[in-house]
């Protein structure tokens, strides 16, 4: 009998991570934009590997 795979601790099982990413404007200033991407720990599955 196999145990169920636990949720990924890095993204809390959501499979997605939201973080602020710097983006350079045309005038040279930098703004921070929210970026949502697949969790790099679980690959977006939401479950530990």
C-alpha atoms as a PDB file:
ATOM      1  CA  UNK A   1       0.000   0.000   0.000  1.00  0.00           C
ATOM      2  CA  UNK A   2       1.483   3.325  -1.036  1.00  0.00           C
ATOM      3  CA  UNK A   3       1.069   6.558   0.873  1.00  0.00           C
ATOM      4  CA  UNK A   4      -0.515   9.530  -0.910  1.00  0.00           C
ATOM      5  CA  UNK A   5       2.011  12.000  -2.241  1.00  0.00           C
ATOM      6  CA  UNK A   6       2.119  15.064   0.051  1.00  0.00           C
ATOM      7  CA  UNK A   7       1.427  18.547  -1.256  1.00  0.00           C
ATOM      8  CA  UNK A   8       4.447  20.546  -2.329  1.00  0.00           C
ATOM      9  CA  UNK A   9       5.632  22.608   0.626  1.00  0.00           C
ATOM     10  CA  UNK A  10       7.034  25.379  -1.557  1.00  0.00           C
ATOM     11  CA  UNK A  11       3.744  26.339  -3.268  1.00  0.00           C
ATOM     12  CA  UNK A  12       1.365  24.810  -0.658  1.00  0.00           C
ATOM     13  CA  UNK A  13      -0.002  22.399  -3.253  1.00  0.00           C
ATOM     14  CA  UNK A  14      -1.189  25.080  -5.671  1.00  0.00           C
ATOM     15  CA  UNK A  15       1.389  24.274  -8.346  1.00  0.00           C
ATOM     16  CA  UNK A  16       1.870  28.007  -8.964  1.00  0.00           C
ATOM     17  CA  UNK A  17       4.143  30.612  -7.416  1.00  0.00           C
ATOM     18  CA  UNK A  18       3.563  34.357  -7.576  1.00  0.00           C
ATOM     19  CA  UNK A  19       6.505  36.668  -7.107  1.00  0.00           C
ATOM     20  CA  UNK A  20       7.617  40.149  -8.047  1.00  0.00           C
ATOM     21  CA  UNK A  21       9.845  40.405 -11.086  1.00  0.00           C
ATOM     22  CA  UNK A  22      11.732  43.530 -12.139  1.00  0.00           C
ATOM     23  CA  UNK A  23      10.839  45.011 -15.516  1.00  0.00           C
ATOM     24  CA  UNK A  24      12.773  47.844 -17.135  1.00  0.00           C
ATOM     25  CA  UNK A  25      10.694  50.625 -18.650  1.00  0.00           C
ATOM     26  CA  UNK A  26      11.613  52.411 -21.885  1.00  0.00           C
ATOM     27  CA  UNK A  27      12.888  55.412 -19.907  1.00  0.00           C
ATOM     28  CA  UNK A  28      15.312  53.169 -17.996  1.00  0.00           C
ATOM     29  CA  UNK A  29      13.379  53.029 -14.727  1.00  0.00           C
ATOM     30  CA  UNK A  30      12.533  49.671 -13.190  1.00  0.00           C
ATOM     31  CA  UNK A  31       9.081  48.661 -12.001  1.00  0.00           C
ATOM     32  CA  UNK A  32       8.087  45.459 -10.216  1.00  0.00           C
ATOM     33  CA  UNK A  33       5.364  43.323 -11.750  1.00  0.00           C
ATOM     34  CA  UNK A  34       3.690  40.250 -10.288  1.00  0.00           C
ATOM     35  CA  UNK A  35       4.553  37.115 -12.210  1.00  0.00           C
ATOM     36  CA  UNK A  36       2.762  33.784 -11.717  1.00  0.00           C
ATOM     37  CA  UNK A  37       4.632  30.727 -12.910  1.00  0.00           C
ATOM     38  CA  UNK A  38       4.704  26.999 -12.345  1.00  0.00           C
ATOM     39  CA  UNK A  39       6.424  26.059  -9.106  1.00  0.00           C
ATOM     40  CA  UNK A  40      10.010  25.014  -9.885  1.00  0.00           C
ATOM     41  CA  UNK A  41      10.053  22.551  -6.977  1.00  0.00           C
ATOM     42  CA  UNK A  42       7.075  20.406  -8.038  1.00  0.00           C
ATOM     43  CA  UNK A  43       7.010  21.432 -11.718  1.00  0.00           C
ATOM     44  CA  UNK A  44       3.473  22.775 -11.428  1.00  0.00           C
ATOM     45  CA  UNK A  45       1.938  19.482 -10.301  1.00  0.00           C
ATOM     46  CA  UNK A  46       1.333  20.678  -6.724  1.00  0.00           C
ATOM     47  CA  UNK A  47       2.738  17.420  -5.354  1.00  0.00           C
ATOM     48  CA  UNK A  48       6.210  16.595  -4.051  1.00  0.00           C
ATOM     49  CA  UNK A  49       8.321  14.595  -6.444  1.00  0.00           C
END
